[in-house]
C-alpha cells in the first residue's frame, strides 16, 4: 500500500472516530444539539483542514520522494555503468594476471634450468681456470727457456758476425796480397802497372755511377773527383755491401773536380760473370 493510501485510510479512520464521537455525544447529551452540532461541525472542519494540510504535506513528500527516486535512479544507472566498466576491467586484469602467472611459471622453469646450466658452466670454468693456470705456468717456464735460447742465439749470432767480419777482412787482405803478387810477377822490373800508382786520400769513399766494358777490360765512372783529393794513378778497392763481396780494383786514369774515370782490374785468376762486375752504387775506398 502506498503512502497516499495509508494517509487516506488514516483520514477515513479519523473522520469515522470523530463522527462516531459526535453521534455518541449527541445520543448522550440530547440537548443543545445545534450548539453541539456547530461545535462538532467546526471540529470536523478543522479536522478536514488538518487532513487537507496533512494530505498536501504528504503530496509534497511524495513529490520529493519521486524526485529522490529519479535522482537515485540516475545515480543507480551511473553506478551500474561504473560497475559494468569495473567488471570489464577486472576481467581484463584477471586475464592479464593469469597470463602473467603462466609466464612467471615458464620463467621460473627457465630460471631453474638456467641455474643448472650456470652450475655446470661454473664447474667447467673452474676446470678451465685450473687448466689455464697450468698452461700459464708452462708458458712462463717456456718463455724463460725461450728467452735463454734467444740470448744464447744472439750471443752466437754476434760471435758469428764478428768471425765473419774477421774472415772478410782476412779474405780481402789475401786478395790484395794476391793481386800485388800477381802484379809483381807480371812486372818483375817494376815498370808500369800498380807500382806507378798514386796514393788515394786517407778515408776516401766513393760510389760507382756507371760501368762500360766486359770482364776483360772495363771503364768505371765514379764520384767524387779532384775536389775530394783524388788524383790520377790512385788505386781504389771496389766492394759490394749487399751481399758483402770484394769486386776488384780501379786505377784512376782521368779526373775532374766532381767525377773520375778508372780502369777496372778484376781479381787475378777469377772467372767473372755479370754479377761479378762493378754495378751502380757499389762502393769504393782507398787501399
C-alpha atoms as a PDB file:
ATOM      1  CA  UNK A   1       0.000   0.000   0.000  1.00  0.00           C
ATOM      2  CA  UNK A   2       1.345   3.439  -0.946  1.00  0.00           C
ATOM      3  CA  UNK A   3       1.815   6.381   1.384  1.00  0.00           C
ATOM      4  CA  UNK A   4      -1.271   8.113  -0.057  1.00  0.00           C
ATOM      5  CA  UNK A   5      -3.441   5.064   0.524  1.00  0.00           C
ATOM      6  CA  UNK A   6      -2.227   4.848   4.091  1.00  0.00           C
ATOM      7  CA  UNK A   7      -2.929   8.557   4.520  1.00  0.00           C
ATOM      8  CA  UNK A   8      -6.468   8.201   3.180  1.00  0.00           C
ATOM      9  CA  UNK A   9      -7.131   5.229   5.422  1.00  0.00           C
ATOM     10  CA  UNK A  10      -5.890   7.248   8.374  1.00  0.00           C
ATOM     11  CA  UNK A  11      -8.090  10.218   7.414  1.00  0.00           C
ATOM     12  CA  UNK A  12     -11.124   7.996   6.984  1.00  0.00           C
ATOM     13  CA  UNK A  13     -10.437   6.357  10.316  1.00  0.00           C
ATOM     14  CA  UNK A  14     -10.028   9.730  11.942  1.00  0.00           C
ATOM     15  CA  UNK A  15     -13.260  11.009  10.421  1.00  0.00           C
ATOM     16  CA  UNK A  16     -15.043   7.865  11.477  1.00  0.00           C
ATOM     17  CA  UNK A  17     -13.870   8.331  15.037  1.00  0.00           C
ATOM     18  CA  UNK A  18     -14.940  11.945  15.009  1.00  0.00           C
ATOM     19  CA  UNK A  19     -18.264  11.087  13.538  1.00  0.00           C
ATOM     20  CA  UNK A  20     -18.822   8.289  15.998  1.00  0.00           C
ATOM     21  CA  UNK A  21     -17.865  10.652  18.799  1.00  0.00           C
ATOM     22  CA  UNK A  22     -20.425  13.133  17.618  1.00  0.00           C
ATOM     23  CA  UNK A  23     -23.112  10.526  17.400  1.00  0.00           C
ATOM     24  CA  UNK A  24     -22.297   9.220  20.854  1.00  0.00           C
ATOM     25  CA  UNK A  25     -22.161  12.716  22.229  1.00  0.00           C
ATOM     26  CA  UNK A  26     -25.498  13.598  20.576  1.00  0.00           C
ATOM     27  CA  UNK A  27     -27.033  10.478  21.913  1.00  0.00           C
ATOM     28  CA  UNK A  28     -25.718  11.086  25.412  1.00  0.00           C
ATOM     29  CA  UNK A  29     -26.399  14.742  25.805  1.00  0.00           C
ATOM     30  CA  UNK A  30     -29.637  15.060  23.749  1.00  0.00           C
ATOM     31  CA  UNK A  31     -29.513  18.750  24.450  1.00  0.00           C
ATOM     32  CA  UNK A  32     -28.363  21.796  22.738  1.00  0.00           C
ATOM     33  CA  UNK A  33     -27.741  19.688  19.725  1.00  0.00           C
ATOM     34  CA  UNK A  34     -27.410  22.659  17.428  1.00  0.00           C
ATOM     35  CA  UNK A  35     -24.678  24.143  19.514  1.00  0.00           C
ATOM     36  CA  UNK A  36     -23.050  20.811  19.798  1.00  0.00           C
ATOM     37  CA  UNK A  37     -23.594  20.253  16.092  1.00  0.00           C
ATOM     38  CA  UNK A  38     -21.915  23.543  15.293  1.00  0.00           C
ATOM     39  CA  UNK A  39     -19.185  22.647  17.659  1.00  0.00           C
ATOM     40  CA  UNK A  40     -18.674  19.295  16.071  1.00  0.00           C
ATOM     41  CA  UNK A  41     -19.034  20.783  12.591  1.00  0.00           C
ATOM     42  CA  UNK A  42     -16.294  23.224  13.450  1.00  0.00           C
ATOM     43  CA  UNK A  43     -14.201  20.423  14.790  1.00  0.00           C
ATOM     44  CA  UNK A  44     -14.926  18.443  11.647  1.00  0.00           C
ATOM     45  CA  UNK A  45     -13.956  21.446   9.550  1.00  0.00           C
ATOM     46  CA  UNK A  46     -10.712  21.805  11.479  1.00  0.00           C
ATOM     47  CA  UNK A  47     -10.124  18.118  11.140  1.00  0.00           C
ATOM     48  CA  UNK A  48     -10.807  18.371   7.402  1.00  0.00           C
ATOM     49  CA  UNK A  49      -8.408  21.305   7.102  1.00  0.00           C
ATOM     50  CA  UNK A  50      -5.833  19.392   9.126  1.00  0.00           C
ATOM     51  CA  UNK A  51      -6.372  16.368   6.896  1.00  0.00           C
ATOM     52  CA  UNK A  52      -6.050  18.577   3.805  1.00  0.00           C
ATOM     53  CA  UNK A  53      -2.825  20.090   5.171  1.00  0.00           C
ATOM     54  CA  UNK A  54      -1.559  16.659   6.015  1.00  0.00           C
ATOM     55  CA  UNK A  55      -2.520  15.485   2.526  1.00  0.00           C
ATOM     56  CA  UNK A  56      -0.695  18.442   0.954  1.00  0.00           C
ATOM     57  CA  UNK A  57       2.326  17.691   3.107  1.00  0.00           C
ATOM     58  CA  UNK A  58       2.155  14.074   2.076  1.00  0.00           C
ATOM     59  CA  UNK A  59       1.871  15.145  -1.587  1.00  0.00           C
ATOM     60  CA  UNK A  60       4.951  17.311  -1.220  1.00  0.00           C
ATOM     61  CA  UNK A  61       6.767  14.484   0.491  1.00  0.00           C
ATOM     62  CA  UNK A  62       5.672  12.115  -2.297  1.00  0.00           C
ATOM     63  CA  UNK A  63       6.918  14.565  -4.917  1.00  0.00           C
ATOM     64  CA  UNK A  64      10.183  14.912  -3.056  1.00  0.00           C
ATOM     65  CA  UNK A  65      10.360  11.130  -2.804  1.00  0.00           C
ATOM     66  CA  UNK A  66       9.717  10.864  -6.557  1.00  0.00           C
ATOM     67  CA  UNK A  67      12.486  13.383  -7.214  1.00  0.00           C
ATOM     68  CA  UNK A  68      14.767  11.464  -4.875  1.00  0.00           C
ATOM     69  CA  UNK A  69      13.857   8.241  -6.666  1.00  0.00           C
ATOM     70  CA  UNK A  70      14.647   9.876 -10.022  1.00  0.00           C
ATOM     71  CA  UNK A  71      17.994  11.078  -8.695  1.00  0.00           C
ATOM     72  CA  UNK A  72      18.615   7.670  -7.175  1.00  0.00           C
ATOM     73  CA  UNK A  73      17.654   6.037 -10.471  1.00  0.00           C
ATOM     74  CA  UNK A  74      20.139   8.220 -12.364  1.00  0.00           C
ATOM     75  CA  UNK A  75      22.777   7.529  -9.734  1.00  0.00           C
ATOM     76  CA  UNK A  76      21.900   3.835  -9.900  1.00  0.00           C
ATOM     77  CA  UNK A  77      22.332   3.843 -13.669  1.00  0.00           C
ATOM     78  CA  UNK A  78      25.642   5.703 -13.306  1.00  0.00           C
ATOM     79  CA  UNK A  79      26.841   3.280 -10.649  1.00  0.00           C
ATOM     80  CA  UNK A  80      25.675   0.357 -12.776  1.00  0.00           C
ATOM     81  CA  UNK A  81      27.686   1.659 -15.714  1.00  0.00           C
ATOM     82  CA  UNK A  82      30.692   2.066 -13.414  1.00  0.00           C
ATOM     83  CA  UNK A  83      30.106  -1.452 -12.158  1.00  0.00           C
ATOM     84  CA  UNK A  84      29.966  -2.817 -15.728  1.00  0.00           C
ATOM     85  CA  UNK A  85      33.162  -0.938 -16.617  1.00  0.00           C
ATOM     86  CA  UNK A  86      34.854  -2.037 -13.402  1.00  0.00           C
ATOM     87  CA  UNK A  87      33.761  -5.623 -14.043  1.00  0.00           C
ATOM     88  CA  UNK A  88      35.150  -5.409 -17.568  1.00  0.00           C
ATOM     89  CA  UNK A  89      38.448  -4.028 -16.273  1.00  0.00           C
ATOM     90  CA  UNK A  90      38.509  -6.700 -13.569  1.00  0.00           C
ATOM     91  CA  UNK A  91      38.021  -9.432 -16.164  1.00  0.00           C
ATOM     92  CA  UNK A  92      40.768  -7.947 -18.335  1.00  0.00           C
ATOM     93  CA  UNK A  93      43.102  -7.638 -15.356  1.00  0.00           C
ATOM     94  CA  UNK A  94      42.244 -11.168 -14.286  1.00  0.00           C
ATOM     95  CA  UNK A  95      43.046 -12.420 -17.782  1.00  0.00           C
ATOM     96  CA  UNK A  96      46.348 -10.496 -17.760  1.00  0.00           C
ATOM     97  CA  UNK A  97      47.113 -11.849 -14.294  1.00  0.00           C
ATOM     98  CA  UNK A  98      46.501 -15.412 -15.459  1.00  0.00           C
ATOM     99  CA  UNK A  99      48.748 -14.856 -18.494  1.00  0.00           C
ATOM    100  CA  UNK A 100      51.410 -13.245 -16.321  1.00  0.00           C
ATOM    101  CA  UNK A 101      51.154 -16.123 -13.858  1.00  0.00           C
ATOM    102  CA  UNK A 102      51.646 -18.615 -16.699  1.00  0.00           C
ATOM    103  CA  UNK A 103      54.654 -16.613 -17.942  1.00  0.00           C
ATOM    104  CA  UNK A 104      56.033 -16.480 -14.399  1.00  0.00           C
ATOM    105  CA  UNK A 105      55.759 -20.259 -14.189  1.00  0.00           C
ATOM    106  CA  UNK A 106      57.606 -20.592 -17.508  1.00  0.00           C
ATOM    107  CA  UNK A 107      60.195 -18.084 -16.325  1.00  0.00           C
ATOM    108  CA  UNK A 108      60.651 -19.977 -13.066  1.00  0.00           C
ATOM    109  CA  UNK A 109      61.212 -23.177 -15.051  1.00  0.00           C
ATOM    110  CA  UNK A 110      63.673 -21.350 -17.296  1.00  0.00           C
ATOM    111  CA  UNK A 111      65.455 -19.924 -14.254  1.00  0.00           C
ATOM    112  CA  UNK A 112      65.730 -23.383 -12.755  1.00  0.00           C
ATOM    113  CA  UNK A 113      67.202 -24.739 -15.983  1.00  0.00           C
ATOM    114  CA  UNK A 114      69.482 -21.685 -16.238  1.00  0.00           C
ATOM    115  CA  UNK A 115      70.727 -22.181 -12.688  1.00  0.00           C
ATOM    116  CA  UNK A 116      71.538 -25.766 -13.585  1.00  0.00           C
ATOM    117  CA  UNK A 117      73.405 -24.595 -16.693  1.00  0.00           C
ATOM    118  CA  UNK A 118      75.225 -21.939 -14.645  1.00  0.00           C
ATOM    119  CA  UNK A 119      76.303 -24.563 -12.148  1.00  0.00           C
ATOM    120  CA  UNK A 120      77.577 -26.771 -14.976  1.00  0.00           C
ATOM    121  CA  UNK A 121      79.318 -23.827 -16.640  1.00  0.00           C
ATOM    122  CA  UNK A 122      80.826 -22.781 -13.314  1.00  0.00           C
ATOM    123  CA  UNK A 123      82.259 -26.237 -12.919  1.00  0.00           C
ATOM    124  CA  UNK A 124      83.629 -26.084 -16.472  1.00  0.00           C
ATOM    125  CA  UNK A 125      85.055 -22.612 -15.852  1.00  0.00           C
ATOM    126  CA  UNK A 126      86.769 -23.829 -12.706  1.00  0.00           C
ATOM    127  CA  UNK A 127      88.260 -26.695 -14.660  1.00  0.00           C
ATOM    128  CA  UNK A 128      89.329 -24.342 -17.458  1.00  0.00           C
ATOM    129  CA  UNK A 129      90.767 -21.911 -14.895  1.00  0.00           C
ATOM    130  CA  UNK A 130      92.861 -24.655 -13.375  1.00  0.00           C
ATOM    131  CA  UNK A 131      93.948 -25.742 -16.856  1.00  0.00           C
ATOM    132  CA  UNK A 132      94.780 -22.134 -17.801  1.00  0.00           C
ATOM    133  CA  UNK A 133      96.812 -21.704 -14.618  1.00  0.00           C
ATOM    134  CA  UNK A 134      98.708 -24.866 -15.505  1.00  0.00           C
ATOM    135  CA  UNK A 135      99.230 -23.664 -19.080  1.00  0.00           C
ATOM    136  CA  UNK A 136     100.330 -20.225 -17.843  1.00  0.00           C
ATOM    137  CA  UNK A 137     102.880 -21.866 -15.596  1.00  0.00           C
ATOM    138  CA  UNK A 138     104.113 -23.948 -18.519  1.00  0.00           C
ATOM    139  CA  UNK A 139     104.129 -20.800 -20.701  1.00  0.00           C
ATOM    140  CA  UNK A 140     106.212 -18.920 -18.126  1.00  0.00           C
ATOM    141  CA  UNK A 141     108.695 -21.755 -17.993  1.00  0.00           C
ATOM    142  CA  UNK A 142     108.705 -21.987 -21.806  1.00  0.00           C
ATOM    143  CA  UNK A 143     109.134 -18.199 -22.068  1.00  0.00           C
ATOM    144  CA  UNK A 144     112.107 -18.309 -19.742  1.00  0.00           C
ATOM    145  CA  UNK A 145     113.578 -21.164 -21.733  1.00  0.00           C
ATOM    146  CA  UNK A 146     112.892 -19.267 -24.995  1.00  0.00           C
ATOM    147  CA  UNK A 147     114.476 -16.098 -23.653  1.00  0.00           C
ATOM    148  CA  UNK A 148     117.524 -18.041 -22.595  1.00  0.00           C
ATOM    149  CA  UNK A 149     117.658 -19.656 -26.020  1.00  0.00           C
ATOM    150  CA  UNK A 150     117.286 -16.245 -27.697  1.00  0.00           C
ATOM    151  CA  UNK A 151     120.050 -14.807 -25.549  1.00  0.00           C
ATOM    152  CA  UNK A 152     122.306 -17.710 -26.477  1.00  0.00           C
ATOM    153  CA  UNK A 153     121.295 -17.362 -30.139  1.00  0.00           C
ATOM    154  CA  UNK A 154     122.017 -13.596 -30.106  1.00  0.00           C
ATOM    155  CA  UNK A 155     125.356 -14.269 -28.488  1.00  0.00           C
ATOM    156  CA  UNK A 156     126.143 -16.903 -31.080  1.00  0.00           C
ATOM    157  CA  UNK A 157     124.977 -14.525 -33.844  1.00  0.00           C
ATOM    158  CA  UNK A 158     127.255 -11.789 -32.561  1.00  0.00           C
ATOM    159  CA  UNK A 159     130.151 -14.192 -32.378  1.00  0.00           C
ATOM    160  CA  UNK A 160     129.384 -15.435 -35.896  1.00  0.00           C
ATOM    161  CA  UNK A 161     129.138 -11.860 -37.255  1.00  0.00           C
ATOM    162  CA  UNK A 162     132.449 -10.994 -35.611  1.00  0.00           C
ATOM    163  CA  UNK A 163     134.077 -14.100 -37.062  1.00  0.00           C
ATOM    164  CA  UNK A 164     132.550 -13.350 -40.476  1.00  0.00           C
ATOM    165  CA  UNK A 165     133.888  -9.791 -40.387  1.00  0.00           C
ATOM    166  CA  UNK A 166     137.349 -11.078 -39.429  1.00  0.00           C
ATOM    167  CA  UNK A 167     137.145 -13.658 -42.192  1.00  0.00           C
ATOM    168  CA  UNK A 168     136.112 -10.979 -44.715  1.00  0.00           C
ATOM    169  CA  UNK A 169     138.966  -8.755 -43.635  1.00  0.00           C
ATOM    170  CA  UNK A 170     141.395 -11.689 -43.930  1.00  0.00           C
ATOM    171  CA  UNK A 171     139.955 -12.632 -47.330  1.00  0.00           C
ATOM    172  CA  UNK A 172     140.228  -9.052 -48.577  1.00  0.00           C
ATOM    173  CA  UNK A 173     143.831  -8.812 -47.338  1.00  0.00           C
ATOM    174  CA  UNK A 174     144.652 -12.140 -49.004  1.00  0.00           C
ATOM    175  CA  UNK A 175     143.110 -10.908 -52.283  1.00  0.00           C
ATOM    176  CA  UNK A 176     145.099  -7.677 -52.055  1.00  0.00           C
ATOM    177  CA  UNK A 177     148.306  -9.588 -51.437  1.00  0.00           C
ATOM    178  CA  UNK A 178     147.450 -11.972 -54.273  1.00  0.00           C
ATOM    179  CA  UNK A 179     146.843  -9.037 -56.635  1.00  0.00           C
ATOM    180  CA  UNK A 180     150.097  -7.424 -55.607  1.00  0.00           C
ATOM    181  CA  UNK A 181     151.983 -10.717 -56.010  1.00  0.00           C
ATOM    182  CA  UNK A 182     150.429 -11.309 -59.441  1.00  0.00           C
ATOM    183  CA  UNK A 183     151.318  -7.793 -60.489  1.00  0.00           C
ATOM    184  CA  UNK A 184     154.898  -8.155 -59.317  1.00  0.00           C
ATOM    185  CA  UNK A 185     155.196 -11.458 -61.132  1.00  0.00           C
ATOM    186  CA  UNK A 186     153.850  -9.812 -64.279  1.00  0.00           C
ATOM    187  CA  UNK A 187     156.210  -6.813 -63.869  1.00  0.00           C
ATOM    188  CA  UNK A 188     159.389  -8.072 -62.149  1.00  0.00           C
ATOM    189  CA  UNK A 189     161.328  -4.911 -63.049  1.00  0.00           C
ATOM    190  CA  UNK A 190     158.676  -2.630 -61.525  1.00  0.00           C
ATOM    191  CA  UNK A 191     157.776  -0.943 -64.810  1.00  0.00           C
ATOM    192  CA  UNK A 192     154.210   0.307 -65.266  1.00  0.00           C
ATOM    193  CA  UNK A 193     151.116  -1.129 -63.609  1.00  0.00           C
ATOM    194  CA  UNK A 194     150.323  -0.648 -59.984  1.00  0.00           C
ATOM    195  CA  UNK A 195     153.864   0.350 -58.963  1.00  0.00           C
ATOM    196  CA  UNK A 196     153.284   3.733 -60.636  1.00  0.00           C
ATOM    197  CA  UNK A 197     150.174   4.367 -58.557  1.00  0.00           C
ATOM    198  CA  UNK A 198     149.389   7.440 -56.519  1.00  0.00           C
ATOM    199  CA  UNK A 199     148.020   7.122 -53.022  1.00  0.00           C
ATOM    200  CA  UNK A 200     144.314   7.866 -52.608  1.00  0.00           C
ATOM    201  CA  UNK A 201     143.231  10.294 -49.856  1.00  0.00           C
ATOM    202  CA  UNK A 202     143.048   8.701 -46.407  1.00  0.00           C
ATOM    203  CA  UNK A 203     139.456   7.711 -45.605  1.00  0.00           C
ATOM    204  CA  UNK A 204     138.298   8.183 -49.216  1.00  0.00           C
ATOM    205  CA  UNK A 205     134.841   6.837 -50.004  1.00  0.00           C
ATOM    206  CA  UNK A 206     133.307   6.816 -53.467  1.00  0.00           C
ATOM    207  CA  UNK A 207     130.372   5.341 -55.417  1.00  0.00           C
ATOM    208  CA  UNK A 208     130.207   3.618 -58.802  1.00  0.00           C
ATOM    209  CA  UNK A 209     127.955   5.557 -61.209  1.00  0.00           C
ATOM    210  CA  UNK A 210     128.474   3.575 -64.407  1.00  0.00           C
ATOM    211  CA  UNK A 211     130.436   0.624 -65.826  1.00  0.00           C
ATOM    212  CA  UNK A 212     131.312   0.208 -69.505  1.00  0.00           C
ATOM    213  CA  UNK A 213     133.075  -2.789 -70.979  1.00  0.00           C
ATOM    214  CA  UNK A 214     133.298  -6.532 -70.312  1.00  0.00           C
ATOM    215  CA  UNK A 215     135.083  -8.854 -67.894  1.00  0.00           C
ATOM    216  CA  UNK A 216     138.468  -8.460 -69.633  1.00  0.00           C
ATOM    217  CA  UNK A 217     138.544  -4.697 -69.917  1.00  0.00           C
ATOM    218  CA  UNK A 218     136.153  -2.131 -68.480  1.00  0.00           C
ATOM    219  CA  UNK A 219     135.923   1.514 -67.504  1.00  0.00           C
ATOM    220  CA  UNK A 220     134.327   2.655 -64.214  1.00  0.00           C
ATOM    221  CA  UNK A 221     132.801   6.128 -63.778  1.00  0.00           C
ATOM    222  CA  UNK A 222     132.656   7.206 -60.150  1.00  0.00           C
ATOM    223  CA  UNK A 223     132.184  10.112 -57.764  1.00  0.00           C
ATOM    224  CA  UNK A 224     133.653  12.200 -56.176  1.00  0.00           C
ATOM    225  CA  UNK A 225     136.601  13.627 -58.184  1.00  0.00           C
ATOM    226  CA  UNK A 226     139.504  16.007 -57.691  1.00  0.00           C
ATOM    227  CA  UNK A 227     137.606  18.000 -55.011  1.00  0.00           C
ATOM    228  CA  UNK A 228     137.999  15.043 -52.649  1.00  0.00           C
ATOM    229  CA  UNK A 229     141.793  14.895 -53.140  1.00  0.00           C
ATOM    230  CA  UNK A 230     141.632  12.014 -55.629  1.00  0.00           C
ATOM    231  CA  UNK A 231     144.431  12.040 -58.254  1.00  0.00           C
ATOM    232  CA  UNK A 232     145.212  10.186 -61.499  1.00  0.00           C
ATOM    233  CA  UNK A 233     147.054   6.942 -60.760  1.00  0.00           C
ATOM    234  CA  UNK A 234     145.301   6.312 -57.429  1.00  0.00           C
ATOM    235  CA  UNK A 235     144.188   2.713 -56.815  1.00  0.00           C
ATOM    236  CA  UNK A 236     140.746   2.116 -55.195  1.00  0.00           C
ATOM    237  CA  UNK A 237     139.124  -1.064 -53.930  1.00  0.00           C
ATOM    238  CA  UNK A 238     135.599  -1.887 -55.180  1.00  0.00           C
ATOM    239  CA  UNK A 239     133.301  -3.780 -52.840  1.00  0.00           C
ATOM    240  CA  UNK A 240     129.604  -4.562 -52.543  1.00  0.00           C
ATOM    241  CA  UNK A 241     127.710  -4.323 -49.259  1.00  0.00           C
ATOM    242  CA  UNK A 242     124.583  -6.374 -50.001  1.00  0.00           C
ATOM    243  CA  UNK A 243     125.665  -9.101 -50.040  1.00  0.00           C
ATOM    244  CA  UNK A 244     129.165  -8.321 -48.808  1.00  0.00           C
ATOM    245  CA  UNK A 245     131.554  -9.021 -51.652  1.00  0.00           C
ATOM    246  CA  UNK A 246     135.028  -7.970 -52.900  1.00  0.00           C
ATOM    247  CA  UNK A 247     134.705  -6.988 -56.607  1.00  0.00           C
ATOM    248  CA  UNK A 248     138.213  -5.829 -57.619  1.00  0.00           C
ATOM    249  CA  UNK A 249     140.299  -2.679 -58.041  1.00  0.00           C
ATOM    250  CA  UNK A 250     140.072   0.560 -60.079  1.00  0.00           C
ATOM    251  CA  UNK A 251     143.091   2.590 -61.291  1.00  0.00           C
ATOM    252  CA  UNK A 252     142.144   6.249 -61.843  1.00  0.00           C
ATOM    253  CA  UNK A 253     143.093   7.345 -65.386  1.00  0.00           C
ATOM    254  CA  UNK A 254     141.151  10.594 -65.633  1.00  0.00           C
ATOM    255  CA  UNK A 255     139.527  13.001 -63.137  1.00  0.00           C
ATOM    256  CA  UNK A 256     137.701  16.317 -62.913  1.00  0.00           C
ATOM    257  CA  UNK A 257     136.504  18.211 -59.816  1.00  0.00           C
ATOM    258  CA  UNK A 258     133.277  16.181 -59.395  1.00  0.00           C
ATOM    259  CA  UNK A 259     133.831  12.846 -61.152  1.00  0.00           C
ATOM    260  CA  UNK A 260     136.612  10.433 -62.106  1.00  0.00           C
ATOM    261  CA  UNK A 261     137.161   7.560 -64.519  1.00  0.00           C
ATOM    262  CA  UNK A 262     139.214   4.466 -63.794  1.00  0.00           C
ATOM    263  CA  UNK A 263     140.266   1.155 -65.296  1.00  0.00           C
ATOM    264  CA  UNK A 264     138.749  -1.919 -63.694  1.00  0.00           C
ATOM    265  CA  UNK A 265     141.230  -4.606 -62.540  1.00  0.00           C
ATOM    266  CA  UNK A 266     139.432  -7.861 -61.569  1.00  0.00           C
ATOM    267  CA  UNK A 267     140.860 -10.255 -59.011  1.00  0.00           C
ATOM    268  CA  UNK A 268     143.618 -12.407 -60.624  1.00  0.00           C
ATOM    269  CA  UNK A 269     142.662 -15.855 -61.790  1.00  0.00           C
ATOM    270  CA  UNK A 270     138.897 -15.301 -61.293  1.00  0.00           C
ATOM    271  CA  UNK A 271     136.270 -16.194 -63.878  1.00  0.00           C
ATOM    272  CA  UNK A 272     133.901 -13.210 -63.889  1.00  0.00           C
ATOM    273  CA  UNK A 273     130.208 -13.333 -64.582  1.00  0.00           C
ATOM    274  CA  UNK A 274     127.773 -10.443 -64.996  1.00  0.00           C
ATOM    275  CA  UNK A 275     127.223 -10.325 -61.220  1.00  0.00           C
ATOM    276  CA  UNK A 276     130.991 -10.095 -60.572  1.00  0.00           C
ATOM    277  CA  UNK A 277     131.456  -6.815 -62.482  1.00  0.00           C
ATOM    278  CA  UNK A 278     131.087  -3.365 -60.850  1.00  0.00           C
ATOM    279  CA  UNK A 279     127.477  -2.182 -60.530  1.00  0.00           C
ATOM    280  CA  UNK A 280     125.852   1.135 -59.871  1.00  0.00           C
ATOM    281  CA  UNK A 281     126.040   2.065 -56.158  1.00  0.00           C
ATOM    282  CA  UNK A 282     128.935  -0.310 -55.458  1.00  0.00           C
ATOM    283  CA  UNK A 283     131.313   1.431 -53.047  1.00  0.00           C
ATOM    284  CA  UNK A 284     134.978   2.387 -53.435  1.00  0.00           C
ATOM    285  CA  UNK A 285     137.574   3.074 -50.780  1.00  0.00           C
ATOM    286  CA  UNK A 286     141.263   3.809 -50.517  1.00  0.00           C
ATOM    287  CA  UNK A 287     143.599   0.833 -50.164  1.00  0.00           C
END
